[in-house]
Amino acid sequence: MDPRVASQTFERVLDVLFGAEPLAFESDFGLDETVRRLSTEIKRPLANFRPLLSLDTVAAVGNVSDQEVYVWCERLFMRNGFKPVFSGTFHLVGKRVILIGKLTNPAICAVVVAWFVVTTVWTFGVLLEVAKNPFDLLGWCLLLSGPISFFVVVGAGRFAKWLSSDDERWILTAIASALRRSPSQ
């Protein structure tokens, strides 16, 4: 199997586990104006001090260029290692500019992938022991502990995603407001 196909398949499984749906934002402007407006709305990262310098409690922070957009949310005096991140690219469809991407959570995905490897090794090790002694009840119980602990970690990841749901709304609102013409224009 091609490693890229395996990687894409595993990424799709993580997207399903954590609800990372593809998102599309159509801009009311051309590409240059869209990048300029989004760059104005999305502040540049500044070592978690962007909300303080913006004199606000929350700031949409990230990197915007005509090749890619990478946006997350920073809160004043709070550090969230499991914050959601929007990652996308601009696409030109006819004369329309569309920003296509998805909200992901790289930290949670890294933890889940690492824990998947640990539980897989654990489960295969216990399975080898159970194959040697199939009448050992403790071995069968230990065999279930690997998959159960994996699903506990997935549940904790879903809980962390739920705790960060306001950040997701903040990011999506910041992007949408930058790409839409205000009613007075």
Protein backbone atom coordinates (compact mmCIF):
# COMPACT_ATOMS: atom_id res chain seq x y z
CA MET A 1 0.00 0.00 0.00
CA ASP A 2 1.22 3.47 -0.90
CA PRO A 3 2.26 5.37 2.25
CA ARG A 4 0.43 8.50 1.05
CA VAL A 5 -2.81 6.55 0.69
CA ALA A 6 -2.36 5.06 4.17
CA SER A 7 -1.65 8.52 5.58
CA GLN A 8 -4.74 10.00 3.90
CA THR A 9 -6.87 7.11 5.13
CA PHE A 10 -5.63 7.55 8.69
CA GLU A 11 -6.24 11.32 8.43
CA ARG A 12 -9.83 10.65 7.32
CA VAL A 13 -10.35 8.31 10.29
CA LEU A 14 -9.09 11.04 12.64
CA ASP A 15 -11.38 13.55 10.91
CA VAL A 16 -14.35 11.27 11.52
CA LEU A 17 -13.38 10.69 15.16
CA PHE A 18 -13.05 14.40 15.88
CA GLY A 19 -15.62 15.89 13.51
CA ALA A 20 -13.23 17.77 11.23
CA GLU A 21 -15.53 18.64 8.35
CA PRO A 22 -14.39 20.39 5.20
CA LEU A 23 -15.36 24.06 5.27
CA ALA A 24 -15.69 26.54 2.42
CA PHE A 25 -15.96 30.32 2.59
CA GLU A 26 -16.81 32.24 -0.56
CA SER A 27 -15.37 35.72 -0.70
CA ASP A 28 -17.18 38.79 -2.03
CA PHE A 29 -13.82 40.14 -3.25
CA GLY A 30 -10.94 39.26 -5.56
CA LEU A 31 -7.96 37.25 -4.33
CA ASP A 32 -5.71 40.20 -3.45
CA GLU A 33 -8.47 42.03 -1.57
CA THR A 34 -9.53 38.80 0.17
CA VAL A 35 -5.98 38.15 1.40
CA ARG A 36 -5.65 41.78 2.53
CA ARG A 37 -8.96 41.77 4.42
CA LEU A 38 -8.27 38.40 6.03
CA SER A 39 -4.75 39.52 7.01
CA THR A 40 -6.27 42.59 8.65
CA GLU A 41 -8.82 40.52 10.58
CA ILE A 42 -6.40 37.74 11.58
CA LYS A 43 -3.58 39.07 13.75
CA ARG A 44 0.00 37.86 13.47
CA PRO A 45 1.15 35.52 16.29
CA LEU A 46 3.15 37.15 19.06
CA ALA A 47 4.13 34.54 21.68
CA ASN A 48 0.60 34.32 23.16
CA PHE A 49 0.54 38.07 23.92
CA ARG A 50 -1.63 39.06 20.94
CA PRO A 51 -4.86 39.49 22.99
CA LEU A 52 -3.02 41.76 25.43
CA LEU A 53 -1.65 43.94 22.64
CA SER A 54 -5.03 43.98 20.90
CA LEU A 55 -6.65 45.10 24.18
CA ASP A 56 -9.16 42.29 23.85
CA THR A 57 -9.79 39.05 25.73
CA VAL A 58 -9.77 36.88 22.59
CA ALA A 59 -7.94 37.29 19.30
CA ALA A 60 -8.02 35.29 16.07
CA VAL A 61 -4.34 34.74 15.33
CA GLY A 62 -2.51 33.08 12.49
CA ASN A 63 -0.73 33.28 9.19
CA VAL A 64 -2.45 34.39 6.00
CA SER A 65 -0.95 34.33 2.52
CA ASP A 66 -2.35 33.74 -0.95
CA GLN A 67 -1.09 30.14 -0.74
CA GLU A 68 -2.45 29.10 2.68
CA VAL A 69 -4.37 30.22 5.72
CA TYR A 70 -3.61 28.95 9.23
CA VAL A 71 -5.76 30.43 12.03
CA TRP A 72 -6.23 29.70 15.74
CA CYS A 73 -7.65 31.53 18.72
CA GLU A 74 -5.69 33.01 21.63
CA ARG A 75 -7.28 34.02 24.93
CA LEU A 76 -5.88 36.54 27.37
CA PHE A 77 -3.80 34.85 30.12
CA MET A 78 -4.92 31.36 29.07
CA ARG A 79 -2.90 28.69 27.32
CA ASN A 80 -4.79 25.92 25.57
CA GLY A 81 -2.58 23.21 24.14
CA PHE A 82 -5.59 21.55 22.55
CA LYS A 83 -6.85 24.57 20.65
CA PRO A 84 -8.60 24.12 17.30
CA VAL A 85 -6.82 25.32 14.19
CA PHE A 86 -8.29 26.24 10.80
CA SER A 87 -6.04 25.24 7.93
CA GLY A 88 -7.04 26.05 4.37
CA THR A 89 -6.11 27.27 0.91
CA PHE A 90 -7.63 29.71 -1.57
CA HIS A 91 -9.16 28.34 -4.75
CA LEU A 92 -10.20 30.34 -7.79
CA VAL A 93 -13.38 29.02 -9.38
CA GLY A 94 -14.17 31.20 -12.37
CA LYS A 95 -14.11 34.72 -10.93
CA ARG A 96 -14.98 33.56 -7.42
CA VAL A 97 -12.47 33.19 -4.61
CA ILE A 98 -13.21 30.32 -2.22
CA LEU A 99 -11.29 29.50 0.94
CA ILE A 100 -11.44 25.74 1.48
CA GLY A 101 -10.08 24.08 4.59
CA LYS A 102 -11.00 22.38 7.82
CA LEU A 103 -10.90 22.86 11.56
CA THR A 104 -8.56 20.35 13.13
CA ASN A 105 -6.88 19.88 16.44
CA PRO A 106 -3.28 18.84 15.84
CA ALA A 107 -2.40 18.28 19.52
CA ILE A 108 -5.33 15.95 20.16
CA CYS A 109 -4.63 14.05 16.93
CA ALA A 110 -0.98 13.60 17.94
CA VAL A 111 -2.00 12.25 21.36
CA VAL A 112 -4.52 9.86 19.79
CA VAL A 113 -2.02 8.60 17.22
CA ALA A 114 0.62 8.03 19.90
CA TRP A 115 -1.88 6.27 22.16
CA PHE A 116 -3.08 4.15 19.22
CA VAL A 117 0.49 2.91 18.73
CA VAL A 118 0.86 2.18 22.46
CA THR A 119 -2.44 0.30 22.69
CA THR A 120 -1.72 -1.65 19.51
CA VAL A 121 1.63 -2.85 20.84
CA TRP A 122 0.01 -3.61 24.22
CA THR A 123 -2.86 -5.55 22.62
CA PHE A 124 -0.58 -7.64 20.41
CA GLY A 125 1.71 -8.39 23.35
CA VAL A 126 -1.22 -9.53 25.48
CA LEU A 127 -2.64 -11.47 22.53
CA LEU A 128 0.62 -13.44 22.28
CA GLU A 129 0.40 -14.25 25.99
CA VAL A 130 -3.24 -15.30 25.69
CA ALA A 131 -2.31 -17.56 22.76
CA LYS A 132 0.18 -19.34 25.03
CA ASN A 133 -2.33 -19.74 27.85
CA PRO A 134 -5.91 -19.42 26.52
CA PHE A 135 -7.52 -20.38 29.85
CA ASP A 136 -6.07 -17.42 31.77
CA LEU A 137 -9.03 -15.14 32.58
CA LEU A 138 -6.74 -12.23 33.53
CA GLY A 139 -5.12 -12.41 30.08
CA TRP A 140 -8.52 -12.02 28.41
CA CYS A 141 -9.34 -9.04 30.64
CA LEU A 142 -5.98 -7.45 29.85
CA LEU A 143 -6.65 -8.02 26.15
CA LEU A 144 -9.69 -5.73 26.39
CA SER A 145 -7.83 -3.04 28.32
CA GLY A 146 -5.93 -1.83 25.22
CA PRO A 147 -8.96 -1.00 23.05
CA ILE A 148 -10.91 0.32 26.05
CA SER A 149 -8.09 2.72 27.00
CA PHE A 150 -7.87 3.88 23.37
CA PHE A 151 -11.57 4.76 23.33
CA VAL A 152 -11.19 6.55 26.68
CA VAL A 153 -8.48 8.72 25.10
CA VAL A 154 -10.72 9.35 22.07
CA GLY A 155 -13.52 10.36 24.47
CA ALA A 156 -11.16 12.71 26.30
CA GLY A 157 -10.20 14.22 22.94
CA ARG A 158 -13.87 14.75 22.07
CA PHE A 159 -14.36 16.38 25.48
CA ALA A 160 -11.38 18.71 24.85
CA LYS A 161 -12.87 19.57 21.45
CA TRP A 162 -16.17 20.40 23.13
CA LEU A 163 -14.38 22.63 25.66
CA SER A 164 -12.81 24.54 22.76
CA SER A 165 -16.05 24.93 20.78
CA ASP A 166 -16.20 28.68 21.50
CA ASP A 167 -12.77 29.03 19.89
CA GLU A 168 -14.10 27.27 16.79
CA ARG A 169 -17.02 29.70 16.55
CA TRP A 170 -14.64 32.64 17.07
CA ILE A 171 -12.34 31.47 14.27
CA LEU A 172 -15.18 30.82 11.83
CA THR A 173 -16.82 34.17 12.59
CA ALA A 174 -13.52 36.04 12.09
CA ILE A 175 -12.96 34.37 8.72
CA ALA A 176 -16.55 34.84 7.54
CA SER A 177 -16.68 38.51 8.55
CA ALA A 178 -13.44 39.27 6.69
CA LEU A 179 -14.66 37.65 3.47
CA ARG A 180 -18.12 39.26 3.40
CA ARG A 181 -19.05 42.74 2.28
CA SER A 182 -20.61 44.69 5.14
CA PRO A 183 -24.25 45.83 4.58
CA SER A 184 -23.16 49.50 4.36
CA GLN A 185 -20.84 48.84 1.38
